[in-house]
Amino acid sequence: MARVKHILLVYCLPCLAIAAVAALYGVYIGFPKRFEGRWVHRVTVWSQEKRFQYERVYYAYTGPDGNEVKHGTFQRFDNDFLVQQATYRNGKLDGPIVFWTVLGETTQEIYYHDGAPYGWANFIQGKLLKMRQEVLQDGRPVAVKNFDRNKYSLQFKCGELINASIDPDSGQLSSIAHPTQHACEQP
């Protein structure tokens, strides 16, 4: 029995202590991780008013000039509830910024590509109300996808080849096999 206690004290207790410290470090500071080929570290901004509550959590790396560059998920909290989430790539917004109420209902989305906005969507009680989103091909806007009055629509910019159609109920875009018509052409 004394030998078992000795083994527990010498081997198991230090291992448990190391595991507990590592777990706390992971929760409060965060281990470096890879995001799209880059090593990033977690940055946690704590609430000034309430102890042990996050305000913002995001990932970043240090750029060549020594400044912090956001790269990865960015999250903002209000009283421990996630209220905003976005993705950064090399310091630029890339993807949707999503906003929620403290009850978890989506209120708005703003769409970004390489730091430039290309659309938005508004929600009421978590249900899509209105949306306007540019459709990008080869990095340039060629059409606008809309949602209004519970229907989706697609409008190509003048001169663009009409190479897609949209399902008015689901908003799903489908390619047109052999497009020949351009937008704003006179028949």
N, C-alpha and C. Protein backbone atom coordinates (compact mmCIF):
# COMPACT_ATOMS: atom_id res chain seq x y z
N MET A 1 0.82 -1.19 0.00
CA MET A 1 0.00 0.00 0.00
C MET A 1 0.87 1.26 0.00
N ALA A 2 1.93 1.23 0.76
CA ALA A 2 2.84 2.39 0.81
C ALA A 2 3.49 2.61 -0.54
N ARG A 3 3.77 1.52 -1.25
CA ARG A 3 4.39 1.62 -2.58
C ARG A 3 3.43 2.28 -3.58
N VAL A 4 2.14 1.95 -3.49
CA VAL A 4 1.14 2.53 -4.36
C VAL A 4 1.02 4.03 -4.09
N LYS A 5 1.01 4.43 -2.82
CA LYS A 5 0.96 5.85 -2.48
C LYS A 5 2.19 6.57 -3.00
N HIS A 6 3.33 5.93 -2.87
CA HIS A 6 4.59 6.53 -3.36
C HIS A 6 4.53 6.74 -4.88
N ILE A 7 4.05 5.73 -5.62
CA ILE A 7 3.94 5.84 -7.08
C ILE A 7 2.96 6.95 -7.45
N LEU A 8 1.82 7.02 -6.74
CA LEU A 8 0.85 8.07 -7.02
C LEU A 8 1.44 9.45 -6.78
N LEU A 9 2.13 9.63 -5.67
CA LEU A 9 2.71 10.94 -5.35
C LEU A 9 3.84 11.32 -6.30
N VAL A 10 4.67 10.37 -6.66
CA VAL A 10 5.85 10.67 -7.47
C VAL A 10 5.50 10.81 -8.96
N TYR A 11 4.60 9.98 -9.47
CA TYR A 11 4.34 9.96 -10.91
C TYR A 11 3.00 10.58 -11.30
N CYS A 12 1.94 10.18 -10.65
CA CYS A 12 0.60 10.60 -11.09
C CYS A 12 0.27 12.04 -10.70
N LEU A 13 0.59 12.45 -9.50
CA LEU A 13 0.26 13.80 -9.06
C LEU A 13 0.93 14.87 -9.92
N PRO A 14 2.24 14.74 -10.23
CA PRO A 14 2.84 15.73 -11.13
C PRO A 14 2.23 15.73 -12.53
N CYS A 15 1.87 14.54 -13.03
CA CYS A 15 1.23 14.47 -14.35
C CYS A 15 -0.12 15.18 -14.33
N LEU A 16 -0.90 14.98 -13.28
CA LEU A 16 -2.19 15.66 -13.16
C LEU A 16 -2.01 17.16 -13.05
N ALA A 17 -1.00 17.60 -12.31
CA ALA A 17 -0.73 19.03 -12.17
C ALA A 17 -0.35 19.64 -13.52
N ILE A 18 0.49 18.95 -14.28
CA ILE A 18 0.90 19.44 -15.60
C ILE A 18 -0.30 19.49 -16.53
N ALA A 19 -1.16 18.47 -16.50
CA ALA A 19 -2.36 18.46 -17.34
C ALA A 19 -3.30 19.61 -16.97
N ALA A 20 -3.45 19.89 -15.68
CA ALA A 20 -4.32 20.98 -15.24
C ALA A 20 -3.77 22.33 -15.68
N VAL A 21 -2.46 22.52 -15.54
CA VAL A 21 -1.84 23.78 -15.98
C VAL A 21 -1.98 23.94 -17.49
N ALA A 22 -1.77 22.86 -18.25
CA ALA A 22 -1.92 22.92 -19.71
C ALA A 22 -3.35 23.25 -20.10
N ALA A 23 -4.32 22.67 -19.42
CA ALA A 23 -5.73 22.95 -19.71
C ALA A 23 -6.06 24.41 -19.42
N LEU A 24 -5.61 24.93 -18.30
CA LEU A 24 -5.84 26.34 -17.97
C LEU A 24 -5.15 27.26 -18.97
N TYR A 25 -3.94 26.90 -19.38
CA TYR A 25 -3.21 27.69 -20.36
C TYR A 25 -3.98 27.71 -21.69
N GLY A 26 -4.49 26.57 -22.08
CA GLY A 26 -5.26 26.48 -23.32
C GLY A 26 -6.52 27.32 -23.28
N VAL A 27 -7.19 27.38 -22.12
CA VAL A 27 -8.43 28.14 -21.99
C VAL A 27 -8.15 29.64 -21.91
N TYR A 28 -7.21 30.06 -21.08
CA TYR A 28 -7.00 31.48 -20.83
C TYR A 28 -6.01 32.15 -21.76
N ILE A 29 -5.04 31.44 -22.29
CA ILE A 29 -4.03 32.06 -23.15
C ILE A 29 -4.11 31.48 -24.56
N GLY A 30 -4.13 30.19 -24.68
CA GLY A 30 -4.25 29.55 -25.99
C GLY A 30 -2.92 29.14 -26.57
N PHE A 31 -2.88 27.95 -27.12
CA PHE A 31 -1.69 27.45 -27.78
C PHE A 31 -1.65 27.95 -29.22
N PRO A 32 -0.47 28.16 -29.78
CA PRO A 32 -0.41 28.54 -31.20
C PRO A 32 -1.01 27.43 -32.06
N LYS A 33 -1.61 27.83 -33.20
CA LYS A 33 -2.17 26.84 -34.11
C LYS A 33 -1.98 27.33 -35.53
N ARG A 34 -2.21 26.43 -36.49
CA ARG A 34 -2.07 26.78 -37.91
C ARG A 34 -3.44 27.14 -38.47
N PHE A 35 -3.49 28.22 -39.22
CA PHE A 35 -4.70 28.63 -39.94
C PHE A 35 -4.27 28.99 -41.34
N GLU A 36 -4.73 28.21 -42.31
CA GLU A 36 -4.41 28.41 -43.72
C GLU A 36 -2.91 28.60 -43.94
N GLY A 37 -2.13 27.69 -43.38
CA GLY A 37 -0.69 27.66 -43.64
C GLY A 37 0.15 28.59 -42.78
N ARG A 38 -0.45 29.35 -41.88
CA ARG A 38 0.32 30.28 -41.03
C ARG A 38 0.14 29.90 -39.57
N TRP A 39 1.22 30.05 -38.81
CA TRP A 39 1.12 29.88 -37.37
C TRP A 39 0.55 31.16 -36.79
N VAL A 40 -0.52 31.04 -36.01
CA VAL A 40 -1.15 32.19 -35.38
C VAL A 40 -1.26 31.94 -33.88
N HIS A 41 -1.38 33.02 -33.14
CA HIS A 41 -1.60 32.91 -31.70
C HIS A 41 -2.94 33.55 -31.36
N ARG A 42 -3.54 33.06 -30.31
CA ARG A 42 -4.84 33.58 -29.89
C ARG A 42 -4.63 34.86 -29.08
N VAL A 43 -5.46 35.85 -29.35
CA VAL A 43 -5.46 37.10 -28.58
C VAL A 43 -6.81 37.16 -27.87
N THR A 44 -6.78 37.32 -26.56
CA THR A 44 -8.00 37.39 -25.77
C THR A 44 -8.06 38.75 -25.11
N VAL A 45 -9.14 39.48 -25.34
CA VAL A 45 -9.37 40.77 -24.68
C VAL A 45 -10.43 40.53 -23.62
N TRP A 46 -10.05 40.76 -22.36
CA TRP A 46 -10.93 40.47 -21.24
C TRP A 46 -11.79 41.69 -20.90
N SER A 47 -12.97 41.45 -20.36
CA SER A 47 -13.89 42.51 -19.94
C SER A 47 -13.27 43.29 -18.79
N GLN A 48 -13.41 44.62 -18.83
CA GLN A 48 -12.90 45.47 -17.75
C GLN A 48 -13.84 45.41 -16.54
N GLU A 49 -15.14 45.23 -16.79
CA GLU A 49 -16.12 45.26 -15.71
C GLU A 49 -16.31 43.92 -15.02
N LYS A 50 -16.25 42.83 -15.80
CA LYS A 50 -16.55 41.52 -15.24
C LYS A 50 -15.34 40.61 -15.34
N ARG A 51 -14.97 40.05 -14.25
CA ARG A 51 -13.80 39.18 -14.20
C ARG A 51 -14.06 37.87 -14.94
N PHE A 52 -13.07 37.41 -15.66
CA PHE A 52 -13.08 36.13 -16.38
C PHE A 52 -14.15 36.06 -17.46
N GLN A 53 -14.46 37.21 -18.10
CA GLN A 53 -15.37 37.20 -19.24
C GLN A 53 -14.63 37.76 -20.44
N TYR A 54 -14.74 37.03 -21.57
CA TYR A 54 -14.15 37.51 -22.81
C TYR A 54 -14.94 38.69 -23.34
N GLU A 55 -14.26 39.63 -23.98
CA GLU A 55 -14.92 40.63 -24.82
C GLU A 55 -14.68 40.29 -26.28
N ARG A 56 -13.44 39.96 -26.61
CA ARG A 56 -13.06 39.59 -27.96
C ARG A 56 -12.01 38.49 -27.91
N VAL A 57 -12.10 37.59 -28.86
CA VAL A 57 -11.10 36.54 -29.03
C VAL A 57 -10.82 36.46 -30.53
N TYR A 58 -9.55 36.54 -30.90
CA TYR A 58 -9.19 36.45 -32.31
C TYR A 58 -7.79 35.88 -32.44
N TYR A 59 -7.42 35.57 -33.67
CA TYR A 59 -6.11 34.99 -33.96
C TYR A 59 -5.32 35.96 -34.81
N ALA A 60 -4.00 35.98 -34.58
CA ALA A 60 -3.14 36.91 -35.30
C ALA A 60 -1.72 36.36 -35.37
N TYR A 61 -0.94 36.97 -36.24
CA TYR A 61 0.49 36.72 -36.29
C TYR A 61 1.20 38.07 -36.31
N THR A 62 2.50 38.05 -36.08
CA THR A 62 3.27 39.28 -36.10
C THR A 62 3.85 39.47 -37.49
N GLY A 63 3.51 40.61 -38.12
CA GLY A 63 3.97 40.92 -39.46
C GLY A 63 5.43 41.33 -39.49
N PRO A 64 6.01 41.50 -40.68
CA PRO A 64 7.41 41.88 -40.81
C PRO A 64 7.74 43.23 -40.15
N ASP A 65 6.72 44.11 -40.06
CA ASP A 65 6.94 45.42 -39.44
C ASP A 65 6.77 45.37 -37.92
N GLY A 66 6.47 44.18 -37.37
CA GLY A 66 6.30 44.02 -35.93
C GLY A 66 4.88 44.24 -35.45
N ASN A 67 3.98 44.61 -36.34
CA ASN A 67 2.58 44.83 -35.96
C ASN A 67 1.79 43.53 -36.02
N GLU A 68 0.74 43.48 -35.24
CA GLU A 68 -0.15 42.33 -35.20
C GLU A 68 -1.03 42.32 -36.46
N VAL A 69 -1.15 41.15 -37.10
CA VAL A 69 -1.98 41.00 -38.29
C VAL A 69 -3.01 39.92 -37.99
N LYS A 70 -4.30 40.30 -38.04
CA LYS A 70 -5.36 39.33 -37.77
C LYS A 70 -5.40 38.31 -38.90
N HIS A 71 -5.53 37.04 -38.50
CA HIS A 71 -5.55 35.95 -39.48
C HIS A 71 -6.27 34.77 -38.83
N GLY A 72 -7.54 34.62 -39.16
CA GLY A 72 -8.33 33.54 -38.57
C GLY A 72 -9.64 34.09 -38.04
N THR A 73 -10.25 33.35 -37.15
CA THR A 73 -11.56 33.69 -36.61
C THR A 73 -11.47 34.85 -35.62
N PHE A 74 -12.41 35.78 -35.73
CA PHE A 74 -12.57 36.89 -34.80
C PHE A 74 -13.94 36.75 -34.17
N GLN A 75 -14.02 36.80 -32.84
CA GLN A 75 -15.30 36.67 -32.16
C GLN A 75 -15.44 37.77 -31.12
N ARG A 76 -16.66 38.35 -31.03
CA ARG A 76 -16.95 39.35 -30.01
C ARG A 76 -18.09 38.81 -29.14
N PHE A 77 -17.96 39.04 -27.83
CA PHE A 77 -18.92 38.50 -26.87
C PHE A 77 -19.58 39.63 -26.08
N ASP A 78 -20.80 39.39 -25.63
CA ASP A 78 -21.52 40.29 -24.75
C ASP A 78 -22.09 39.44 -23.63
N ASN A 79 -21.57 39.62 -22.42
CA ASN A 79 -21.98 38.82 -21.26
C ASN A 79 -21.89 37.32 -21.54
N ASP A 80 -20.77 36.89 -22.08
CA ASP A 80 -20.49 35.48 -22.40
C ASP A 80 -21.29 34.94 -23.57
N PHE A 81 -22.07 35.77 -24.27
CA PHE A 81 -22.81 35.32 -25.44
C PHE A 81 -22.07 35.80 -26.69
N LEU A 82 -21.90 34.91 -27.65
CA LEU A 82 -21.28 35.27 -28.91
C LEU A 82 -22.26 36.16 -29.69
N VAL A 83 -21.83 37.39 -30.04
CA VAL A 83 -22.72 38.32 -30.75
C VAL A 83 -22.17 38.72 -32.12
N GLN A 84 -20.91 38.39 -32.40
CA GLN A 84 -20.34 38.71 -33.71
C GLN A 84 -19.22 37.74 -34.02
N GLN A 85 -19.13 37.33 -35.29
CA GLN A 85 -18.04 36.46 -35.73
C GLN A 85 -17.66 36.82 -37.16
N ALA A 86 -16.35 36.85 -37.41
CA ALA A 86 -15.83 37.17 -38.74
C ALA A 86 -14.56 36.36 -38.97
N THR A 87 -14.08 36.38 -40.21
CA THR A 87 -12.83 35.71 -40.55
C THR A 87 -11.91 36.72 -41.23
N TYR A 88 -10.66 36.73 -40.79
CA TYR A 88 -9.63 37.58 -41.39
C TYR A 88 -8.62 36.69 -42.10
N ARG A 89 -8.10 37.18 -43.21
CA ARG A 89 -7.00 36.54 -43.92
C ARG A 89 -5.96 37.61 -44.20
N ASN A 90 -4.80 37.46 -43.57
CA ASN A 90 -3.70 38.41 -43.72
C ASN A 90 -4.13 39.86 -43.46
N GLY A 91 -4.92 40.05 -42.40
CA GLY A 91 -5.32 41.38 -41.97
C GLY A 91 -6.54 41.95 -42.65
N LYS A 92 -7.14 41.23 -43.60
CA LYS A 92 -8.32 41.71 -44.32
C LYS A 92 -9.51 40.81 -44.03
N LEU A 93 -10.68 41.44 -43.90
CA LEU A 93 -11.90 40.66 -43.75
C LEU A 93 -12.12 39.83 -44.99
N ASP A 94 -12.48 38.55 -44.81
CA ASP A 94 -12.71 37.67 -45.94
C ASP A 94 -13.74 36.62 -45.54
N GLY A 95 -14.98 36.85 -45.96
CA GLY A 95 -16.08 35.99 -45.58
C GLY A 95 -17.15 36.81 -44.88
N PRO A 96 -18.18 36.17 -44.38
CA PRO A 96 -19.26 36.94 -43.75
C PRO A 96 -18.89 37.39 -42.33
N ILE A 97 -19.36 38.59 -41.98
CA ILE A 97 -19.42 39.00 -40.58
C ILE A 97 -20.85 38.69 -40.16
N VAL A 98 -21.02 37.88 -39.14
CA VAL A 98 -22.35 37.47 -38.69
C VAL A 98 -22.61 38.09 -37.33
N PHE A 99 -23.80 38.69 -37.17
CA PHE A 99 -24.21 39.30 -35.91
C PHE A 99 -25.40 38.52 -35.36
N TRP A 100 -25.38 38.28 -34.04
CA TRP A 100 -26.46 37.58 -33.35
C TRP A 100 -26.96 38.41 -32.18
N THR A 101 -28.19 38.14 -31.75
CA THR A 101 -28.68 38.68 -30.48
C THR A 101 -28.12 37.81 -29.36
N VAL A 102 -28.29 38.24 -28.12
CA VAL A 102 -27.81 37.41 -27.01
C VAL A 102 -28.64 36.14 -26.87
N LEU A 103 -29.77 36.07 -27.58
CA LEU A 103 -30.58 34.85 -27.59
C LEU A 103 -30.15 33.89 -28.69
N GLY A 104 -29.16 34.30 -29.51
CA GLY A 104 -28.63 33.42 -30.54
C GLY A 104 -29.28 33.54 -31.90
N GLU A 105 -30.15 34.55 -32.09
CA GLU A 105 -30.81 34.74 -33.38
C GLU A 105 -29.95 35.63 -34.27
N THR A 106 -29.78 35.23 -35.52
CA THR A 106 -29.01 36.02 -36.47
C THR A 106 -29.78 37.29 -36.79
N THR A 107 -29.07 38.45 -36.77
CA THR A 107 -29.71 39.72 -37.09
C THR A 107 -29.21 40.30 -38.40
N GLN A 108 -27.92 40.07 -38.72
CA GLN A 108 -27.36 40.65 -39.92
C GLN A 108 -26.11 39.89 -40.34
N GLU A 109 -25.86 39.90 -41.64
CA GLU A 109 -24.61 39.40 -42.19
C GLU A 109 -24.10 40.44 -43.18
N ILE A 110 -22.79 40.66 -43.17
CA ILE A 110 -22.15 41.53 -44.15
C ILE A 110 -21.06 40.69 -44.80
N TYR A 111 -21.06 40.64 -46.14
CA TYR A 111 -20.16 39.76 -46.86
C TYR A 111 -18.93 40.52 -47.37
N TYR A 112 -17.75 39.94 -47.14
CA TYR A 112 -16.48 40.54 -47.56
C TYR A 112 -15.66 39.55 -48.37
N HIS A 113 -14.89 40.10 -49.30
CA HIS A 113 -13.90 39.31 -50.04
C HIS A 113 -12.64 40.16 -50.15
N ASP A 114 -11.55 39.66 -49.58
CA ASP A 114 -10.26 40.33 -49.64
C ASP A 114 -10.34 41.77 -49.14
N GLY A 115 -11.11 42.00 -48.06
CA GLY A 115 -11.21 43.31 -47.44
C GLY A 115 -12.27 44.23 -48.00
N ALA A 116 -12.94 43.83 -49.08
CA ALA A 116 -13.96 44.69 -49.71
C ALA A 116 -15.35 44.09 -49.51
N PRO A 117 -16.32 44.91 -49.09
CA PRO A 117 -17.69 44.39 -48.92
C PRO A 117 -18.34 44.14 -50.27
N TYR A 118 -19.15 43.07 -50.35
CA TYR A 118 -19.85 42.79 -51.59
C TYR A 118 -21.31 42.39 -51.36
N GLY A 119 -21.81 42.60 -50.16
CA GLY A 119 -23.21 42.29 -49.93
C GLY A 119 -23.60 42.33 -48.46
N TRP A 120 -24.89 42.18 -48.23
CA TRP A 120 -25.44 42.18 -46.89
C TRP A 120 -26.73 41.37 -46.85
N ALA A 121 -27.13 41.02 -45.65
CA ALA A 121 -28.41 40.34 -45.44
C ALA A 121 -28.95 40.76 -44.08
N ASN A 122 -30.24 41.03 -44.01
CA ASN A 122 -30.91 41.38 -42.76
C ASN A 122 -31.88 40.27 -42.38
N PHE A 123 -31.95 40.00 -41.10
CA PHE A 123 -32.80 38.94 -40.58
C PHE A 123 -33.73 39.52 -39.52
N ILE A 124 -34.88 38.90 -39.37
CA ILE A 124 -35.78 39.24 -38.28
C ILE A 124 -36.18 37.93 -37.61
N GLN A 125 -35.96 37.87 -36.31
CA GLN A 125 -36.19 36.66 -35.52
C GLN A 125 -35.47 35.47 -36.15
N GLY A 126 -34.26 35.70 -36.65
CA GLY A 126 -33.44 34.64 -37.22
C GLY A 126 -33.81 34.22 -38.63
N LYS A 127 -34.84 34.85 -39.24
CA LYS A 127 -35.29 34.48 -40.58
C LYS A 127 -34.88 35.57 -41.56
N LEU A 128 -34.37 35.14 -42.73
CA LEU A 128 -33.92 36.08 -43.75
C LEU A 128 -35.06 36.99 -44.19
N LEU A 129 -34.81 38.30 -44.14
CA LEU A 129 -35.81 39.29 -44.52
C LEU A 129 -35.47 39.90 -45.88
N LYS A 130 -34.21 40.41 -46.01
CA LYS A 130 -33.75 41.02 -47.27
C LYS A 130 -32.28 40.72 -47.42
N MET A 131 -31.86 40.64 -48.70
CA MET A 131 -30.45 40.37 -48.97
C MET A 131 -30.08 41.01 -50.31
N ARG A 132 -28.85 41.48 -50.39
CA ARG A 132 -28.27 41.93 -51.65
C ARG A 132 -26.82 41.50 -51.64
N GLN A 133 -26.44 40.73 -52.65
CA GLN A 133 -25.10 40.17 -52.68
C GLN A 133 -24.60 40.16 -54.12
N GLU A 134 -23.41 40.75 -54.33
CA GLU A 134 -22.81 40.70 -55.65
C GLU A 134 -22.30 39.29 -55.92
N VAL A 135 -22.49 38.82 -57.14
CA VAL A 135 -21.97 37.52 -57.55
C VAL A 135 -20.63 37.80 -58.22
N LEU A 136 -19.58 37.20 -57.68
CA LEU A 136 -18.23 37.44 -58.18
C LEU A 136 -17.79 36.29 -59.07
N GLN A 137 -17.17 36.63 -60.21
CA GLN A 137 -16.53 35.64 -61.08
C GLN A 137 -15.16 36.18 -61.41
N ASP A 138 -14.14 35.38 -61.16
CA ASP A 138 -12.75 35.80 -61.36
C ASP A 138 -12.44 37.08 -60.60
N GLY A 139 -13.05 37.23 -59.41
CA GLY A 139 -12.76 38.37 -58.55
C GLY A 139 -13.48 39.66 -58.90
N ARG A 140 -14.37 39.63 -59.87
CA ARG A 140 -15.09 40.85 -60.25
C ARG A 140 -16.59 40.60 -60.21
N PRO A 141 -17.37 41.64 -59.86
CA PRO A 141 -18.83 41.47 -59.79
C PRO A 141 -19.45 41.41 -61.18
N VAL A 142 -20.27 40.40 -61.43
CA VAL A 142 -20.94 40.24 -62.72
C VAL A 142 -22.46 40.29 -62.60
N ALA A 143 -22.98 40.07 -61.40
CA ALA A 143 -24.43 40.04 -61.20
C ALA A 143 -24.73 40.38 -59.75
N VAL A 144 -26.00 40.56 -59.46
CA VAL A 144 -26.47 40.83 -58.11
C VAL A 144 -27.55 39.82 -57.77
N LYS A 145 -27.36 39.15 -56.63
CA LYS A 145 -28.35 38.20 -56.11
C LYS A 145 -29.13 38.92 -55.01
N ASN A 146 -30.45 38.91 -55.14
CA ASN A 146 -31.31 39.60 -54.17
C ASN A 146 -32.27 38.62 -53.51
N PHE A 147 -32.70 38.99 -52.32
CA PHE A 147 -33.80 38.28 -51.65
C PHE A 147 -34.74 39.35 -51.13
N ASP A 148 -36.00 39.30 -51.57
CA ASP A 148 -37.01 40.25 -51.13
C ASP A 148 -38.37 39.60 -51.33
N ARG A 149 -39.27 39.84 -50.39
CA ARG A 149 -40.62 39.27 -50.45
C ARG A 149 -40.59 37.74 -50.59
N ASN A 150 -39.68 37.12 -49.87
CA ASN A 150 -39.54 35.66 -49.80
C ASN A 150 -39.14 35.00 -51.11
N LYS A 151 -38.54 35.74 -52.03
CA LYS A 151 -38.08 35.18 -53.30
C LYS A 151 -36.67 35.69 -53.62
N TYR A 152 -35.88 34.81 -54.23
CA TYR A 152 -34.56 35.18 -54.71
C TYR A 152 -34.65 35.61 -56.17
N SER A 153 -33.78 36.53 -56.56
CA SER A 153 -33.69 36.93 -57.96
C SER A 153 -32.22 37.17 -58.30
N LEU A 154 -31.93 37.15 -59.59
CA LEU A 154 -30.57 37.34 -60.07
C LEU A 154 -30.60 38.32 -61.23
N GLN A 155 -29.79 39.37 -61.14
CA GLN A 155 -29.75 40.38 -62.19
C GLN A 155 -28.31 40.58 -62.62
N PHE A 156 -28.04 40.29 -63.89
CA PHE A 156 -26.69 40.46 -64.44
C PHE A 156 -26.46 41.91 -64.81
N LYS A 157 -25.21 42.35 -64.68
CA LYS A 157 -24.84 43.70 -65.08
C LYS A 157 -24.79 43.78 -66.61
N CYS A 158 -25.09 44.96 -67.15
CA CYS A 158 -25.11 45.14 -68.61
C CYS A 158 -23.79 44.71 -69.23
N GLY A 159 -23.91 43.94 -70.32
CA GLY A 159 -22.73 43.47 -71.03
C GLY A 159 -22.20 42.14 -70.56
N GLU A 160 -22.64 41.68 -69.40
CA GLU A 160 -22.14 40.40 -68.86
C GLU A 160 -22.89 39.23 -69.50
N LEU A 161 -22.17 38.15 -69.70
CA LEU A 161 -22.75 36.93 -70.24
C LEU A 161 -23.64 36.29 -69.18
N ILE A 162 -24.88 36.02 -69.55
CA ILE A 162 -25.82 35.39 -68.61
C ILE A 162 -25.49 33.90 -68.58
N ASN A 163 -24.70 33.49 -67.58
CA ASN A 163 -24.22 32.12 -67.52
C ASN A 163 -24.72 31.35 -66.30
N ALA A 164 -25.75 31.91 -65.63
CA ALA A 164 -26.30 31.23 -64.46
C ALA A 164 -27.77 31.59 -64.31
N SER A 165 -28.50 30.71 -63.64
CA SER A 165 -29.89 30.99 -63.29
C SER A 165 -30.04 30.74 -61.80
N ILE A 166 -31.14 31.19 -61.25
CA ILE A 166 -31.33 31.07 -59.81
C ILE A 166 -32.69 30.43 -59.52
N ASP A 167 -32.72 29.59 -58.50
CA ASP A 167 -33.98 29.02 -58.03
C ASP A 167 -34.60 30.08 -57.12
N PRO A 168 -35.81 30.58 -57.44
CA PRO A 168 -36.39 31.66 -56.65
C PRO A 168 -36.75 31.28 -55.22
N ASP A 169 -36.86 29.99 -54.93
CA ASP A 169 -37.22 29.56 -53.58
C ASP A 169 -36.01 29.29 -52.70
N SER A 170 -34.98 28.64 -53.27
CA SER A 170 -33.82 28.26 -52.45
C SER A 170 -32.64 29.22 -52.61
N GLY A 171 -32.60 29.97 -53.72
CA GLY A 171 -31.46 30.86 -53.96
C GLY A 171 -30.27 30.15 -54.55
N GLN A 172 -30.43 28.87 -54.88
CA GLN A 172 -29.34 28.07 -55.44
C GLN A 172 -29.05 28.53 -56.87
N LEU A 173 -27.77 28.83 -57.14
CA LEU A 173 -27.37 29.20 -58.50
C LEU A 173 -27.03 27.96 -59.29
N SER A 174 -27.43 27.95 -60.57
CA SER A 174 -27.12 26.84 -61.47
C SER A 174 -26.47 27.41 -62.72
N SER A 175 -25.44 26.73 -63.20
CA SER A 175 -24.76 27.17 -64.42
C SER A 175 -25.61 26.86 -65.63
N ILE A 176 -25.54 27.74 -66.62
CA ILE A 176 -26.19 27.52 -67.92
C ILE A 176 -25.13 26.89 -68.81
N ALA A 177 -25.47 25.77 -69.45
CA ALA A 177 -24.48 24.96 -70.18
C ALA A 177 -23.75 25.73 -71.27
N HIS A 178 -24.43 26.30 -72.20
CA HIS A 178 -23.79 27.01 -73.32
C HIS A 178 -24.40 28.40 -73.43
N PRO A 179 -23.96 29.31 -72.57
CA PRO A 179 -24.58 30.64 -72.57
C PRO A 179 -24.21 31.43 -73.83
N THR A 180 -25.18 32.16 -74.36
CA THR A 180 -24.93 32.99 -75.54
C THR A 180 -25.48 34.40 -75.37
N GLN A 181 -26.41 34.59 -74.45
CA GLN A 181 -27.06 35.89 -74.29
C GLN A 181 -26.32 36.75 -73.27
N HIS A 182 -26.19 38.05 -73.59
CA HIS A 182 -25.59 39.01 -72.68
C HIS A 182 -26.70 39.86 -72.06
N ALA A 183 -26.48 40.35 -70.86
CA ALA A 183 -27.46 41.20 -70.20
C ALA A 183 -27.58 42.53 -70.94
N CYS A 184 -28.77 43.08 -70.97
CA CYS A 184 -29.09 44.38 -71.59
C CYS A 184 -29.01 44.35 -73.12
N GLU A 185 -28.95 43.18 -73.71
CA GLU A 185 -28.97 43.09 -75.18
C GLU A 185 -30.38 43.29 -75.69
N GLN A 186 -30.50 43.91 -76.81
CA GLN A 186 -31.81 44.04 -77.45
C GLN A 186 -32.04 42.82 -78.35
N PRO A 187 -33.21 42.16 -78.26
CA PRO A 187 -33.46 40.96 -79.09
C PRO A 187 -33.57 41.26 -80.56
